[in-house]
Amino acid sequence: MSEQLPQSVLFCCDHNAVRSPMAEGIMKQFYGTDTYVQSVGVKNDLEIDGFSIAVCQELNVELSRHRSRSFDEMEEWGEDLSSFDLVLALSPASQRRALELTRFYHIDVEYWPILDPTGLGKTREAKLASYRQARDQIIERLQERWGDPTHIPK
């Protein structure tokens, strides 16, 4: 049985360049805009990854306009972590950071162990296969939690 969608979800990973932007984009595509969805990284030292853009484009999920940001930048820009109902950490480092930042709030932080596809595969096709695997893990977790997409991808 799938759960009701929360009002707000924050996905986080190491750099906000691969896994968390994919999760943000896919969740928005699958479940619409009734849930406020954002993503951040522990650091913001990378731009959105081209392979992430490519494998999400296969599902008509647009990531090319995504701008990476960190937890610190999120706070600097006035977005309060306490405004999120659920934080989904996609890497161990982001789980540690999220737990540290939410220790004074009543916010659920969950760890979803999603494959880090960066550095995997020698050829373009092998790299794409790794990124598709990470993307598909995200989709599987989303659907386990909230059921089939309520918005049909275009």
N, C-alpha and C. Protein backbone atom coordinates (compact mmCIF):
# COMPACT_ATOMS: atom_id res chain seq x y z
N MET A 1 0.85 -1.18 0.00
CA MET A 1 0.00 0.00 0.00
C MET A 1 0.89 1.24 0.00
N SER A 2 0.60 2.15 -0.88
CA SER A 2 1.42 3.36 -0.99
C SER A 2 0.94 4.42 0.00
N GLU A 3 1.88 5.24 0.43
CA GLU A 3 1.59 6.31 1.37
C GLU A 3 1.07 7.54 0.66
N GLN A 4 0.44 8.40 1.43
CA GLN A 4 0.02 9.69 0.89
C GLN A 4 1.26 10.55 0.69
N LEU A 5 1.26 11.33 -0.36
CA LEU A 5 2.39 12.22 -0.64
C LEU A 5 2.50 13.28 0.45
N PRO A 6 3.72 13.57 0.90
CA PRO A 6 3.89 14.64 1.87
C PRO A 6 3.72 16.00 1.18
N GLN A 7 3.65 17.06 1.96
CA GLN A 7 3.53 18.39 1.37
C GLN A 7 4.85 18.87 0.80
N SER A 8 5.98 18.40 1.38
CA SER A 8 7.28 18.85 0.90
C SER A 8 8.34 17.78 1.12
N VAL A 9 9.22 17.65 0.12
CA VAL A 9 10.29 16.65 0.14
C VAL A 9 11.58 17.32 -0.30
N LEU A 10 12.65 16.99 0.40
CA LEU A 10 13.98 17.45 0.02
C LEU A 10 14.85 16.23 -0.25
N PHE A 11 15.36 16.11 -1.47
CA PHE A 11 16.31 15.06 -1.81
C PHE A 11 17.71 15.63 -1.63
N CYS A 12 18.63 14.82 -1.12
CA CYS A 12 20.01 15.29 -0.99
C CYS A 12 20.99 14.18 -1.33
N CYS A 13 22.13 14.61 -1.87
CA CYS A 13 23.23 13.70 -2.16
C CYS A 13 24.53 14.48 -1.97
N ASP A 14 25.61 14.01 -2.55
CA ASP A 14 26.91 14.62 -2.28
C ASP A 14 27.10 15.98 -2.94
N HIS A 15 26.76 16.11 -4.24
CA HIS A 15 27.08 17.32 -4.99
C HIS A 15 25.87 18.00 -5.64
N ASN A 16 24.69 17.41 -5.53
CA ASN A 16 23.48 17.93 -6.18
C ASN A 16 23.70 18.07 -7.68
N ALA A 17 24.36 17.05 -8.24
CA ALA A 17 24.66 17.07 -9.67
C ALA A 17 24.21 15.81 -10.40
N VAL A 18 23.91 14.74 -9.66
CA VAL A 18 23.54 13.48 -10.31
C VAL A 18 22.25 12.92 -9.70
N ARG A 19 22.35 12.30 -8.53
CA ARG A 19 21.22 11.55 -7.97
C ARG A 19 20.08 12.45 -7.47
N SER A 20 20.38 13.44 -6.66
CA SER A 20 19.28 14.25 -6.10
C SER A 20 18.54 15.07 -7.15
N PRO A 21 19.22 15.64 -8.17
CA PRO A 21 18.43 16.31 -9.21
C PRO A 21 17.57 15.33 -10.01
N MET A 22 18.10 14.11 -10.24
CA MET A 22 17.29 13.12 -10.94
C MET A 22 16.04 12.80 -10.12
N ALA A 23 16.22 12.59 -8.82
CA ALA A 23 15.08 12.26 -7.95
C ALA A 23 14.07 13.41 -7.92
N GLU A 24 14.57 14.65 -7.82
CA GLU A 24 13.68 15.81 -7.81
C GLU A 24 12.87 15.88 -9.10
N GLY A 25 13.55 15.78 -10.23
CA GLY A 25 12.87 15.89 -11.53
C GLY A 25 11.87 14.77 -11.77
N ILE A 26 12.26 13.55 -11.42
CA ILE A 26 11.38 12.40 -11.63
C ILE A 26 10.15 12.50 -10.73
N MET A 27 10.36 12.88 -9.47
CA MET A 27 9.21 12.99 -8.56
C MET A 27 8.23 14.04 -9.07
N LYS A 28 8.73 15.19 -9.52
CA LYS A 28 7.86 16.22 -10.05
C LYS A 28 7.09 15.72 -11.27
N GLN A 29 7.78 14.99 -12.14
CA GLN A 29 7.15 14.46 -13.35
C GLN A 29 6.09 13.41 -13.01
N PHE A 30 6.38 12.54 -12.06
CA PHE A 30 5.49 11.43 -11.73
C PHE A 30 4.29 11.84 -10.88
N TYR A 31 4.48 12.80 -9.97
CA TYR A 31 3.44 13.10 -8.99
C TYR A 31 2.92 14.53 -9.03
N GLY A 32 3.39 15.32 -9.98
CA GLY A 32 2.85 16.67 -10.15
C GLY A 32 3.39 17.66 -9.15
N THR A 33 2.69 18.77 -9.04
CA THR A 33 3.18 19.90 -8.24
C THR A 33 2.46 20.07 -6.91
N ASP A 34 1.65 19.10 -6.53
CA ASP A 34 0.99 19.22 -5.22
C ASP A 34 1.98 19.10 -4.07
N THR A 35 3.08 18.40 -4.30
CA THR A 35 4.16 18.28 -3.32
C THR A 35 5.30 19.20 -3.73
N TYR A 36 5.77 20.02 -2.79
CA TYR A 36 6.92 20.88 -3.04
C TYR A 36 8.17 20.01 -2.97
N VAL A 37 8.95 19.97 -4.04
CA VAL A 37 10.12 19.09 -4.13
C VAL A 37 11.35 19.92 -4.51
N GLN A 38 12.42 19.74 -3.73
CA GLN A 38 13.69 20.40 -4.00
C GLN A 38 14.82 19.41 -3.79
N SER A 39 16.03 19.81 -4.17
CA SER A 39 17.20 18.97 -3.94
C SER A 39 18.40 19.83 -3.61
N VAL A 40 19.31 19.24 -2.83
CA VAL A 40 20.56 19.90 -2.44
C VAL A 40 21.67 18.87 -2.34
N GLY A 41 22.88 19.39 -2.20
CA GLY A 41 24.03 18.54 -1.99
C GLY A 41 24.77 18.95 -0.73
N VAL A 42 25.63 18.06 -0.25
CA VAL A 42 26.49 18.42 0.86
C VAL A 42 27.40 19.56 0.41
N LYS A 43 27.88 19.45 -0.84
CA LYS A 43 28.71 20.49 -1.45
C LYS A 43 28.05 20.92 -2.76
N ASN A 44 28.44 22.08 -3.23
CA ASN A 44 28.02 22.53 -4.54
C ASN A 44 29.28 22.86 -5.32
N ASP A 45 29.93 21.83 -5.81
CA ASP A 45 31.18 22.04 -6.53
C ASP A 45 31.14 21.46 -7.94
N LEU A 46 29.97 21.02 -8.37
CA LEU A 46 29.81 20.45 -9.71
C LEU A 46 28.53 20.98 -10.35
N GLU A 47 28.55 21.08 -11.67
CA GLU A 47 27.33 21.41 -12.41
C GLU A 47 26.52 20.13 -12.63
N ILE A 48 25.29 20.28 -13.06
CA ILE A 48 24.46 19.11 -13.36
C ILE A 48 25.18 18.23 -14.37
N ASP A 49 25.16 16.95 -14.12
CA ASP A 49 25.90 15.97 -14.91
C ASP A 49 25.17 15.68 -16.23
N GLY A 50 25.90 15.70 -17.32
CA GLY A 50 25.31 15.48 -18.64
C GLY A 50 24.66 14.12 -18.82
N PHE A 51 25.24 13.09 -18.18
CA PHE A 51 24.63 11.76 -18.28
C PHE A 51 23.30 11.72 -17.52
N SER A 52 23.21 12.44 -16.41
CA SER A 52 21.94 12.54 -15.68
C SER A 52 20.88 13.20 -16.55
N ILE A 53 21.28 14.27 -17.22
CA ILE A 53 20.36 14.96 -18.13
C ILE A 53 19.88 13.99 -19.20
N ALA A 54 20.81 13.23 -19.78
CA ALA A 54 20.47 12.32 -20.89
C ALA A 54 19.51 11.21 -20.48
N VAL A 55 19.78 10.55 -19.35
CA VAL A 55 18.91 9.42 -18.97
C VAL A 55 17.55 9.89 -18.47
N CYS A 56 17.48 11.10 -17.93
CA CYS A 56 16.18 11.64 -17.53
C CYS A 56 15.40 12.13 -18.73
N GLN A 57 16.10 12.65 -19.74
CA GLN A 57 15.43 13.09 -20.97
C GLN A 57 14.70 11.92 -21.62
N GLU A 58 15.21 10.70 -21.45
CA GLU A 58 14.53 9.51 -21.98
C GLU A 58 13.13 9.35 -21.41
N LEU A 59 12.88 9.95 -20.24
CA LEU A 59 11.55 9.92 -19.61
C LEU A 59 10.84 11.27 -19.71
N ASN A 60 11.37 12.15 -20.56
CA ASN A 60 10.84 13.51 -20.69
C ASN A 60 10.93 14.31 -19.40
N VAL A 61 11.96 14.03 -18.61
CA VAL A 61 12.24 14.79 -17.40
C VAL A 61 13.37 15.74 -17.74
N GLU A 62 13.09 17.04 -17.65
CA GLU A 62 14.05 18.08 -18.04
C GLU A 62 14.94 18.46 -16.87
N LEU A 63 16.25 18.24 -17.01
CA LEU A 63 17.19 18.61 -15.96
C LEU A 63 18.21 19.65 -16.39
N SER A 64 18.22 20.01 -17.66
CA SER A 64 19.30 20.87 -18.16
C SER A 64 19.32 22.26 -17.51
N ARG A 65 18.20 22.70 -16.97
CA ARG A 65 18.16 24.03 -16.33
C ARG A 65 18.46 23.97 -14.83
N HIS A 66 18.67 22.76 -14.32
CA HIS A 66 18.95 22.59 -12.88
C HIS A 66 20.25 23.31 -12.50
N ARG A 67 20.20 24.02 -11.39
CA ARG A 67 21.39 24.67 -10.84
C ARG A 67 21.70 24.03 -9.50
N SER A 68 22.87 23.45 -9.39
CA SER A 68 23.27 22.76 -8.17
C SER A 68 23.38 23.74 -7.00
N ARG A 69 23.02 23.26 -5.81
CA ARG A 69 23.15 24.07 -4.61
C ARG A 69 23.43 23.16 -3.42
N SER A 70 24.01 23.74 -2.40
CA SER A 70 24.36 23.00 -1.19
C SER A 70 23.37 23.30 -0.07
N PHE A 71 23.46 22.54 1.02
CA PHE A 71 22.65 22.83 2.21
C PHE A 71 22.90 24.27 2.67
N ASP A 72 24.18 24.67 2.68
CA ASP A 72 24.53 26.02 3.15
C ASP A 72 23.89 27.08 2.26
N GLU A 73 23.96 26.90 0.94
CA GLU A 73 23.35 27.86 0.03
C GLU A 73 21.84 27.91 0.19
N MET A 74 21.25 26.77 0.43
CA MET A 74 19.80 26.73 0.64
C MET A 74 19.44 27.64 1.81
N GLU A 75 20.19 27.53 2.89
CA GLU A 75 19.92 28.39 4.05
C GLU A 75 20.21 29.85 3.75
N GLU A 76 21.30 30.12 3.03
CA GLU A 76 21.65 31.50 2.67
C GLU A 76 20.56 32.14 1.82
N TRP A 77 19.90 31.33 0.97
CA TRP A 77 18.86 31.84 0.09
C TRP A 77 17.51 31.92 0.79
N GLY A 78 17.48 31.61 2.08
CA GLY A 78 16.27 31.78 2.87
C GLY A 78 15.33 30.60 2.91
N GLU A 79 15.77 29.46 2.41
CA GLU A 79 14.91 28.28 2.48
C GLU A 79 15.25 27.52 3.76
N ASP A 80 14.27 27.38 4.60
CA ASP A 80 14.47 26.78 5.91
C ASP A 80 14.26 25.27 5.83
N LEU A 81 15.24 24.54 6.32
CA LEU A 81 15.15 23.07 6.31
C LEU A 81 13.94 22.58 7.10
N SER A 82 13.55 23.34 8.11
CA SER A 82 12.41 22.92 8.94
C SER A 82 11.09 22.99 8.18
N SER A 83 11.08 23.58 7.00
CA SER A 83 9.83 23.66 6.23
C SER A 83 9.56 22.38 5.44
N PHE A 84 10.50 21.43 5.46
CA PHE A 84 10.29 20.17 4.74
C PHE A 84 9.73 19.11 5.67
N ASP A 85 8.82 18.31 5.13
CA ASP A 85 8.23 17.20 5.89
C ASP A 85 9.12 15.97 5.89
N LEU A 86 9.89 15.82 4.81
CA LEU A 86 10.67 14.60 4.63
C LEU A 86 11.96 14.94 3.90
N VAL A 87 13.08 14.44 4.41
CA VAL A 87 14.37 14.55 3.74
C VAL A 87 14.79 13.15 3.34
N LEU A 88 15.05 12.98 2.04
CA LEU A 88 15.48 11.69 1.51
C LEU A 88 16.94 11.80 1.09
N ALA A 89 17.81 11.16 1.85
CA ALA A 89 19.24 11.19 1.60
C ALA A 89 19.61 10.03 0.68
N LEU A 90 20.33 10.35 -0.39
CA LEU A 90 20.67 9.34 -1.39
C LEU A 90 22.14 8.93 -1.32
N SER A 91 22.84 9.43 -0.31
CA SER A 91 24.23 9.06 -0.09
C SER A 91 24.50 9.10 1.41
N PRO A 92 25.48 8.32 1.88
CA PRO A 92 25.80 8.34 3.32
C PRO A 92 26.21 9.72 3.83
N ALA A 93 27.02 10.45 3.07
CA ALA A 93 27.45 11.79 3.50
C ALA A 93 26.27 12.74 3.63
N SER A 94 25.33 12.66 2.70
CA SER A 94 24.17 13.55 2.78
C SER A 94 23.23 13.15 3.92
N GLN A 95 23.18 11.87 4.23
CA GLN A 95 22.38 11.43 5.37
C GLN A 95 22.97 12.01 6.67
N ARG A 96 24.28 11.93 6.82
CA ARG A 96 24.94 12.48 8.02
C ARG A 96 24.66 13.98 8.14
N ARG A 97 24.81 14.70 7.03
CA ARG A 97 24.59 16.17 7.04
C ARG A 97 23.13 16.49 7.36
N ALA A 98 22.21 15.76 6.75
CA ALA A 98 20.78 16.01 6.99
C ALA A 98 20.42 15.74 8.45
N LEU A 99 20.94 14.66 9.01
CA LEU A 99 20.65 14.35 10.41
C LEU A 99 21.24 15.42 11.33
N GLU A 100 22.42 15.90 11.01
CA GLU A 100 23.05 16.97 11.79
C GLU A 100 22.20 18.24 11.75
N LEU A 101 21.72 18.60 10.56
CA LEU A 101 20.97 19.85 10.40
C LEU A 101 19.54 19.77 10.93
N THR A 102 19.00 18.57 11.06
CA THR A 102 17.60 18.42 11.48
C THR A 102 17.47 17.94 12.92
N ARG A 103 18.54 17.88 13.65
CA ARG A 103 18.49 17.30 15.00
C ARG A 103 17.56 18.05 15.95
N PHE A 104 17.28 19.32 15.67
CA PHE A 104 16.39 20.10 16.54
C PHE A 104 14.97 20.21 15.98
N TYR A 105 14.71 19.57 14.85
CA TYR A 105 13.40 19.63 14.21
C TYR A 105 12.75 18.25 14.22
N HIS A 106 11.45 18.24 14.04
CA HIS A 106 10.73 16.98 13.90
C HIS A 106 10.54 16.70 12.42
N ILE A 107 11.64 16.34 11.78
CA ILE A 107 11.62 16.05 10.35
C ILE A 107 12.14 14.64 10.14
N ASP A 108 11.43 13.87 9.36
CA ASP A 108 11.89 12.52 9.04
C ASP A 108 13.02 12.59 8.03
N VAL A 109 14.12 11.92 8.33
CA VAL A 109 15.24 11.77 7.41
C VAL A 109 15.37 10.29 7.11
N GLU A 110 15.29 9.94 5.84
CA GLU A 110 15.44 8.55 5.43
C GLU A 110 16.63 8.42 4.50
N TYR A 111 17.25 7.27 4.56
CA TYR A 111 18.37 6.98 3.67
C TYR A 111 17.91 6.00 2.60
N TRP A 112 18.03 6.42 1.35
CA TRP A 112 17.78 5.54 0.21
C TRP A 112 19.13 5.28 -0.46
N PRO A 113 19.69 4.09 -0.33
CA PRO A 113 21.00 3.81 -0.93
C PRO A 113 20.92 3.69 -2.45
N ILE A 114 21.14 4.79 -3.12
CA ILE A 114 21.09 4.84 -4.58
C ILE A 114 22.52 4.80 -5.13
N LEU A 115 22.74 3.97 -6.11
CA LEU A 115 24.04 3.83 -6.76
C LEU A 115 24.59 5.17 -7.21
N ASP A 116 25.87 5.42 -6.93
CA ASP A 116 26.55 6.59 -7.48
C ASP A 116 27.19 6.16 -8.80
N PRO A 117 26.62 6.58 -9.94
CA PRO A 117 27.10 6.08 -11.23
C PRO A 117 28.35 6.79 -11.74
N THR A 118 28.76 7.87 -11.08
CA THR A 118 29.92 8.60 -11.58
C THR A 118 31.17 7.71 -11.48
N GLY A 119 31.96 7.74 -12.52
CA GLY A 119 33.18 6.94 -12.54
C GLY A 119 32.98 5.50 -12.96
N LEU A 120 31.75 5.10 -13.20
CA LEU A 120 31.49 3.72 -13.63
C LEU A 120 31.40 3.67 -15.15
N GLY A 121 31.91 2.61 -15.74
CA GLY A 121 31.82 2.42 -17.18
C GLY A 121 32.93 3.13 -17.93
N LYS A 122 33.44 2.45 -18.96
CA LYS A 122 34.53 3.02 -19.75
C LYS A 122 34.02 3.67 -21.04
N THR A 123 32.97 3.11 -21.61
CA THR A 123 32.43 3.66 -22.85
C THR A 123 31.19 4.50 -22.53
N ARG A 124 30.77 5.31 -23.50
CA ARG A 124 29.57 6.13 -23.31
C ARG A 124 28.36 5.25 -22.99
N GLU A 125 28.22 4.14 -23.71
CA GLU A 125 27.07 3.26 -23.50
C GLU A 125 27.12 2.62 -22.11
N ALA A 126 28.31 2.25 -21.65
CA ALA A 126 28.46 1.66 -20.31
C ALA A 126 28.14 2.70 -19.23
N LYS A 127 28.57 3.94 -19.45
CA LYS A 127 28.27 5.01 -18.50
C LYS A 127 26.76 5.26 -18.44
N LEU A 128 26.14 5.33 -19.62
CA LEU A 128 24.69 5.54 -19.66
C LEU A 128 23.96 4.41 -18.94
N ALA A 129 24.44 3.19 -19.09
CA ALA A 129 23.82 2.05 -18.41
C ALA A 129 23.88 2.22 -16.89
N SER A 130 25.00 2.72 -16.38
CA SER A 130 25.14 2.95 -14.93
C SER A 130 24.19 4.04 -14.46
N TYR A 131 24.08 5.12 -15.24
CA TYR A 131 23.17 6.21 -14.88
C TYR A 131 21.72 5.75 -14.96
N ARG A 132 21.41 4.92 -15.93
CA ARG A 132 20.04 4.38 -16.02
C ARG A 132 19.73 3.52 -14.80
N GLN A 133 20.74 2.77 -14.35
CA GLN A 133 20.54 1.93 -13.17
C GLN A 133 20.22 2.79 -11.95
N ALA A 134 20.96 3.88 -11.76
CA ALA A 134 20.67 4.79 -10.64
C ALA A 134 19.28 5.39 -10.80
N ARG A 135 18.96 5.86 -12.01
CA ARG A 135 17.63 6.44 -12.28
C ARG A 135 16.54 5.44 -11.95
N ASP A 136 16.72 4.20 -12.38
CA ASP A 136 15.70 3.18 -12.17
C ASP A 136 15.56 2.81 -10.69
N GLN A 137 16.66 2.88 -9.94
CA GLN A 137 16.58 2.66 -8.49
C GLN A 137 15.73 3.75 -7.84
N ILE A 138 15.91 4.98 -8.29
CA ILE A 138 15.12 6.10 -7.77
C ILE A 138 13.64 5.88 -8.08
N ILE A 139 13.35 5.52 -9.32
CA ILE A 139 11.96 5.27 -9.72
C ILE A 139 11.34 4.16 -8.88
N GLU A 140 12.10 3.09 -8.67
CA GLU A 140 11.60 1.96 -7.88
C GLU A 140 11.26 2.41 -6.45
N ARG A 141 12.14 3.20 -5.84
CA ARG A 141 11.90 3.69 -4.49
C ARG A 141 10.69 4.61 -4.43
N LEU A 142 10.58 5.51 -5.40
CA LEU A 142 9.43 6.42 -5.44
C LEU A 142 8.13 5.63 -5.53
N GLN A 143 8.10 4.65 -6.41
CA GLN A 143 6.87 3.88 -6.61
C GLN A 143 6.57 2.96 -5.43
N GLU A 144 7.61 2.44 -4.78
CA GLU A 144 7.38 1.66 -3.56
C GLU A 144 6.72 2.52 -2.50
N ARG A 145 7.14 3.78 -2.42
CA ARG A 145 6.67 4.68 -1.37
C ARG A 145 5.32 5.30 -1.70
N TRP A 146 5.16 5.79 -2.95
CA TRP A 146 3.97 6.56 -3.28
C TRP A 146 3.13 6.00 -4.42
N GLY A 147 3.45 4.80 -4.88
CA GLY A 147 2.63 4.16 -5.90
C GLY A 147 2.96 4.61 -7.30
N ASP A 148 2.14 4.15 -8.22
CA ASP A 148 2.35 4.49 -9.64
C ASP A 148 2.21 5.99 -9.86
N PRO A 149 2.87 6.48 -10.89
CA PRO A 149 2.77 7.92 -11.18
C PRO A 149 1.33 8.36 -11.33
N THR A 150 1.03 9.52 -10.78
CA THR A 150 -0.32 10.06 -10.90
C THR A 150 -0.41 11.01 -12.09
N HIS A 151 0.74 11.40 -12.62
CA HIS A 151 0.79 12.24 -13.81
C HIS A 151 1.47 11.44 -14.90
N ILE A 152 0.82 11.31 -16.03
CA ILE A 152 1.38 10.54 -17.13
C ILE A 152 2.47 11.39 -17.79
N PRO A 153 3.70 10.84 -17.85
CA PRO A 153 4.75 11.59 -18.55
C PRO A 153 4.36 11.89 -19.98
N LYS A 154 4.75 13.08 -20.45
CA LYS A 154 4.39 13.52 -21.79
C LYS A 154 5.11 12.72 -22.85
